[in-house]
Structures are given as C-alpha cells and as structure tokens.
Protein backbone atom coordinates (compact mmCIF):
# COMPACT_ATOMS: atom_id res chain seq x y z
CA UNK A 1 0.04 -0.17 0.03
CA UNK A 2 2.74 2.40 1.04
CA UNK A 3 4.59 1.63 -2.55
CA UNK A 4 1.34 2.75 -4.08
CA UNK A 5 1.15 5.77 -2.25
CA UNK A 6 4.52 6.74 -3.15
CA UNK A 7 4.02 6.20 -6.95
CA UNK A 8 0.96 8.36 -6.67
CA UNK A 9 2.82 11.09 -5.21
CA UNK A 10 5.52 11.14 -7.50
CA UNK A 11 3.21 10.92 -10.52
CA UNK A 12 1.29 13.95 -9.24
CA UNK A 13 4.79 16.05 -8.54
CA UNK A 14 5.84 15.19 -11.98
CA UNK A 15 2.77 16.58 -13.56
CA UNK A 16 3.07 19.66 -11.29
CA UNK A 17 6.75 20.12 -12.10
CA UNK A 18 6.44 19.79 -15.91
CA UNK A 19 3.10 21.60 -16.46
CA UNK A 20 2.94 24.19 -19.00
CA UNK A 21 1.04 26.50 -16.53
CA UNK A 22 3.50 29.18 -15.17
CA UNK A 23 4.46 29.06 -11.30
CA UNK A 24 3.80 32.78 -10.98
CA UNK A 25 4.92 36.28 -12.08
CA UNK A 26 8.04 37.38 -10.18
CA UNK A 27 7.48 41.06 -11.18
CA UNK A 28 3.88 41.19 -9.84
CA UNK A 29 3.30 44.31 -7.44
CA UNK A 30 1.44 43.49 -4.39
CA UNK A 31 -2.16 44.30 -4.55
CA UNK A 32 -2.19 43.99 -8.53
CA UNK A 33 -4.46 41.28 -10.16
CA UNK A 34 -3.22 39.56 -13.36
CA UNK A 35 -4.33 36.96 -15.53
CA UNK A 36 -1.93 34.48 -17.54
CA UNK A 37 -2.52 34.57 -21.28
CA UNK A 38 -1.50 31.18 -22.43
CA UNK A 39 -1.46 32.02 -26.23
CA UNK A 40 1.07 34.71 -25.93
CA UNK A 41 2.64 33.11 -22.71
CA UNK A 42 2.46 36.52 -20.76
CA UNK A 43 0.84 37.72 -17.75
CA UNK A 44 -1.97 40.38 -18.41
CA UNK A 45 -4.02 42.84 -15.97
CA UNK A 46 -7.65 41.45 -15.26
CA UNK A 47 -10.20 44.38 -16.12
CA UNK A 48 -13.26 44.84 -13.95
CA UNK A 49 -16.40 46.74 -14.50
CA UNK A 50 -17.91 49.58 -12.62
CA UNK A 51 -19.43 46.81 -9.89
CA UNK A 52 -16.22 45.14 -9.71
CA UNK A 53 -17.18 42.23 -12.03
CA UNK A 54 -14.54 40.50 -14.27
CA UNK A 55 -14.71 41.40 -17.96
CA UNK A 56 -14.18 39.14 -20.44
CA UNK A 57 -14.64 41.33 -23.39
CA UNK A 58 -13.66 44.97 -24.58
CA UNK A 59 -14.09 48.07 -22.45
CA UNK A 60 -16.29 50.89 -23.59
CA UNK A 61 -15.14 54.49 -22.66
CA UNK A 62 -17.80 56.97 -22.20
CA UNK A 63 -17.93 59.87 -24.77
CA UNK A 64 -15.87 62.89 -23.80
CA UNK A 65 -17.22 65.96 -25.37
CA UNK A 66 -15.18 69.61 -24.95
CA UNK A 67 -16.25 72.50 -27.05
CA UNK A 68 -13.21 73.99 -28.50
CA UNK A 69 -14.96 76.29 -30.98
CA UNK A 70 -14.08 79.38 -28.73
CA UNK A 71 -11.53 78.16 -26.11
CA UNK A 72 -9.54 81.23 -26.41
CA UNK A 73 -12.58 83.29 -24.79
CA UNK A 74 -11.85 81.30 -21.45
CA UNK A 75 -8.11 82.11 -21.75
CA UNK A 76 -8.28 85.94 -20.39
CA UNK A 77 -6.84 88.12 -17.91
CA UNK A 78 -8.65 91.12 -16.22
CA UNK A 79 -6.84 94.02 -14.70
CA UNK A 80 -9.98 95.38 -13.42
CA UNK A 81 -10.87 97.43 -16.55
CA UNK A 82 -9.52 95.68 -19.36
CA UNK A 83 -9.99 92.12 -20.71
CA UNK A 84 -6.96 90.83 -22.35
CA UNK A 85 -7.09 87.53 -24.35
CA UNK A 86 -4.26 84.88 -24.66
CA UNK A 87 -3.09 86.40 -28.05
CA UNK A 88 -3.01 89.60 -26.81
CA UNK A 89 -0.54 88.46 -23.80
CA UNK A 90 1.52 86.50 -26.04
CA UNK A 91 2.03 89.46 -28.47
CA UNK A 92 2.67 91.68 -25.68
CA UNK A 93 5.29 89.41 -24.25
CA UNK A 94 7.11 89.61 -27.86
CA UNK A 95 7.03 93.44 -27.58
CA UNK A 96 8.18 93.56 -24.20
CA UNK A 97 11.11 91.25 -25.03
CA UNK A 98 12.09 93.53 -27.91
CA UNK A 99 11.88 96.46 -25.76
CA UNK A 100 14.13 94.75 -23.06
CA UNK A 101 16.86 93.76 -25.68
CA UNK A 102 16.77 97.43 -26.74
CA UNK A 103 17.24 98.73 -23.29
CA UNK A 104 20.02 96.33 -22.21
CA UNK A 105 21.62 97.49 -25.64
CA UNK A 106 21.47 101.13 -24.84
CA UNK A 107 22.50 100.31 -21.14
CA UNK A 108 25.57 98.47 -22.65
CA UNK A 109 26.43 101.60 -24.72
CA UNK A 110 26.03 103.81 -21.87
CA UNK A 111 28.46 101.86 -19.69
CA UNK A 112 31.17 102.00 -21.98
CA UNK A 113 32.35 105.57 -22.61
CA UNK A 114 33.58 106.80 -25.84
CA UNK A 115 36.19 108.93 -24.46
CA UNK A 116 38.18 109.50 -21.14
CA UNK A 117 39.37 112.83 -19.64
CA UNK A 118 41.84 112.81 -16.84
CA UNK A 119 43.46 115.60 -14.56
CA UNK A 120 46.02 115.41 -11.69
CA UNK A 121 44.68 117.47 -8.50
CA UNK A 122 47.62 118.38 -5.93
CA UNK A 123 47.69 120.17 -2.73
CA UNK A 124 44.14 119.06 -1.37
CA UNK A 125 44.44 120.41 2.26
CA UNK A 126 43.37 117.96 5.41
CA UNK A 127 40.22 118.52 7.52
CA UNK A 128 38.49 120.66 4.42
CA UNK A 129 36.00 119.24 2.24
CA UNK A 130 36.96 120.06 -1.17
CA UNK A 131 34.67 119.96 -4.34
CA UNK A 132 36.20 117.87 -7.16
CA UNK A 133 35.00 119.65 -10.44
CA UNK A 134 33.92 117.93 -13.50
CA UNK A 135 36.77 117.81 -16.09
CA UNK A 136 35.62 119.91 -19.03
CA UNK A 137 36.86 119.38 -22.91
CA UNK A 138 35.72 122.28 -24.88
CA UNK A 139 36.74 120.16 -28.05
CA UNK A 140 34.46 117.21 -27.10
CA UNK A 141 31.15 116.45 -28.23
CA UNK A 142 30.48 114.00 -25.51
CA UNK A 143 27.95 115.35 -22.97
CA UNK A 144 27.01 112.49 -20.67
CA UNK A 145 29.53 111.56 -18.05
CA UNK A 146 29.58 107.79 -17.08
CA UNK A 147 31.93 107.64 -14.32
CA UNK A 148 34.44 109.17 -12.14
CA UNK A 149 37.74 107.23 -10.98
CA UNK A 150 39.78 108.87 -8.00
CA UNK A 151 43.15 107.36 -7.47
CA UNK A 152 45.49 108.55 -4.90
CA UNK A 153 49.19 108.76 -6.19
CA UNK A 154 50.30 107.23 -2.97
CA UNK A 155 48.31 104.00 -2.91
CA UNK A 156 48.44 103.91 0.80
CA UNK A 157 46.59 107.29 1.42
CA UNK A 158 43.01 107.07 2.81
CA UNK A 159 40.35 109.77 1.80
CA UNK A 160 36.59 109.84 2.16
CA UNK A 161 33.88 111.12 -0.40
CA UNK A 162 30.44 112.40 -0.23
CA UNK A 163 28.18 114.43 -2.24
CA UNK A 164 27.63 117.22 0.09
CA UNK A 165 30.20 119.98 1.35
CA UNK A 166 29.50 118.78 4.94
CA UNK A 167 31.55 115.88 4.38
CA UNK A 168 33.92 114.80 7.14
CA UNK A 169 35.70 111.43 8.12
CA UNK A 170 32.78 110.31 10.19
CA UNK A 171 30.05 110.78 7.58
CA UNK A 172 31.81 109.88 4.30
CA UNK A 173 32.85 106.67 2.52
CA UNK A 174 36.24 105.70 3.34
CA UNK A 175 38.53 104.94 0.54
CA UNK A 176 42.04 103.65 0.62
CA UNK A 177 44.11 104.35 -2.81
CA UNK A 178 41.27 104.20 -5.49
CA UNK A 179 37.55 104.14 -5.81
CA UNK A 180 35.40 103.83 -9.12
CA UNK A 181 32.01 105.78 -8.95
CA UNK A 182 29.09 105.68 -11.44
CA UNK A 183 27.84 109.58 -11.49
CA UNK A 184 26.40 112.13 -13.91
CA UNK A 185 28.17 115.34 -14.19
CA UNK A 186 25.15 117.04 -12.59
CA UNK A 187 26.30 115.15 -9.32
CA UNK A 188 28.32 117.29 -6.92
CA UNK A 189 31.38 115.32 -5.77
CA UNK A 190 33.56 116.00 -2.41
CA UNK A 191 36.52 114.97 -1.08
CA UNK A 192 37.99 114.84 2.58
CA UNK A 193 41.02 113.13 4.18
CA UNK A 194 43.16 113.76 7.58
CA UNK A 195 46.62 112.79 6.30
CA UNK A 196 49.55 114.64 7.71
CA UNK A 197 50.71 116.04 4.39
CA UNK A 198 48.37 117.20 1.52
CA UNK A 199 46.73 114.72 -0.66
CA UNK A 200 47.39 114.19 -4.52
CA UNK A 201 44.99 112.16 -6.50
CA UNK A 202 44.49 111.35 -10.30
CA UNK A 203 41.03 112.05 -11.65
CA UNK A 204 39.79 110.05 -14.51
CA UNK A 205 36.05 110.68 -16.29
CA UNK A 206 34.47 108.48 -18.83
CA UNK A 207 32.17 110.53 -21.20
CA UNK A 208 29.88 109.43 -24.00
C-alpha cells in the first residue's frame, strides 16, 4: 500500500513540475490582479467593470465632449478695467522682449564711454571738504559723464568721499588708494582726508 502511495505522489509531483502553466509572475506588484495569457505566454492585467465584476470582452469608454470652438474666450486676464486675451498676452510678451533687448543694448552703450578725460589734483588740504569739479573739454562732443575714478598717487593714502560740502571723516565713505563711481556730471562730489600732508589724486572720467 505504501508503495502505491509513493508512486501516486511521484506522478502528481511530476505533473506539477512539468506542467506548462507558469508558477507565477516575479514582477507582480502586491495588490495587483493579473491573469495568464496562455496563447501569448505572458501575464496581463484583469479588467473589472464599475461593479467590480470581471470583464472578458472589450471596455467601452464613455464619450468625452469638449467645446473648443471658442476656447480662447476662457483664456483671459482682467486687470480691473480691460480684458486681455491670450493672444494679446503672447503678443505683448514679444513686444516686451524686444524692448528689453533694446534697453539692454542702450545700457551697454551707456556703460562703455567713448572717451576719457583725466587731470591730476595736488595740494588737497587736510580736514577740509574739497569739491571735485567736472573735467571739461571744449573740443569734445561727448555730453554724458558715465563714471568718475579717484586714485591716490600714494596708494596707501586714505580719504573720504561724499556728495555734500558737510563731508567729514565721520560721515564720508572711506577709500584707500582708489575708487570708481558711476555718476553723472550734474552730481556734486567732495573729497576729505586727515593725512598729515596734502593729498594728491588722479581724477579720471568716462564720457559718452
């Protein structure tokens, strides 16, 4: 009897071992439901209907209707008084971009002077606010001053700058050796120092 039982178990194990049905899907995600497609030898998701019942046929999707005849009417922005469409916004972006490019180009031209003017100032007394005058050039056609550079002849000298004749070492901007300032010719500029000897500086200006 035991021999027959062993033989039956052996035959059952052989059938399970060599059966064509797959043992499972190693890539199956926990919680998903798959069915084995024996014809194509692959696993496929099992579809269910709205009631959770298995579907064996195709799936019908309800019709989706969107009126796109005047979709632009929904793409508007109101600033309180005027209503602007998406087309207006796109066009204005192009216009604004062009203006920005032009402004950047003009700024670049302004930042690069077409000529320089320079002069040496000596004997600047200590403890006195001394005005730095604009360097004039009667033969020049440039009318826009872009910057002023003040450079002490002795690079170790310390001085102060400001824009009013009340400038002192307590309310001025301290400078050691050199400073470059972007400023127009209409702006007043003063220098102040507390050195033991008179100060000598080289004044350079860029003009367009």
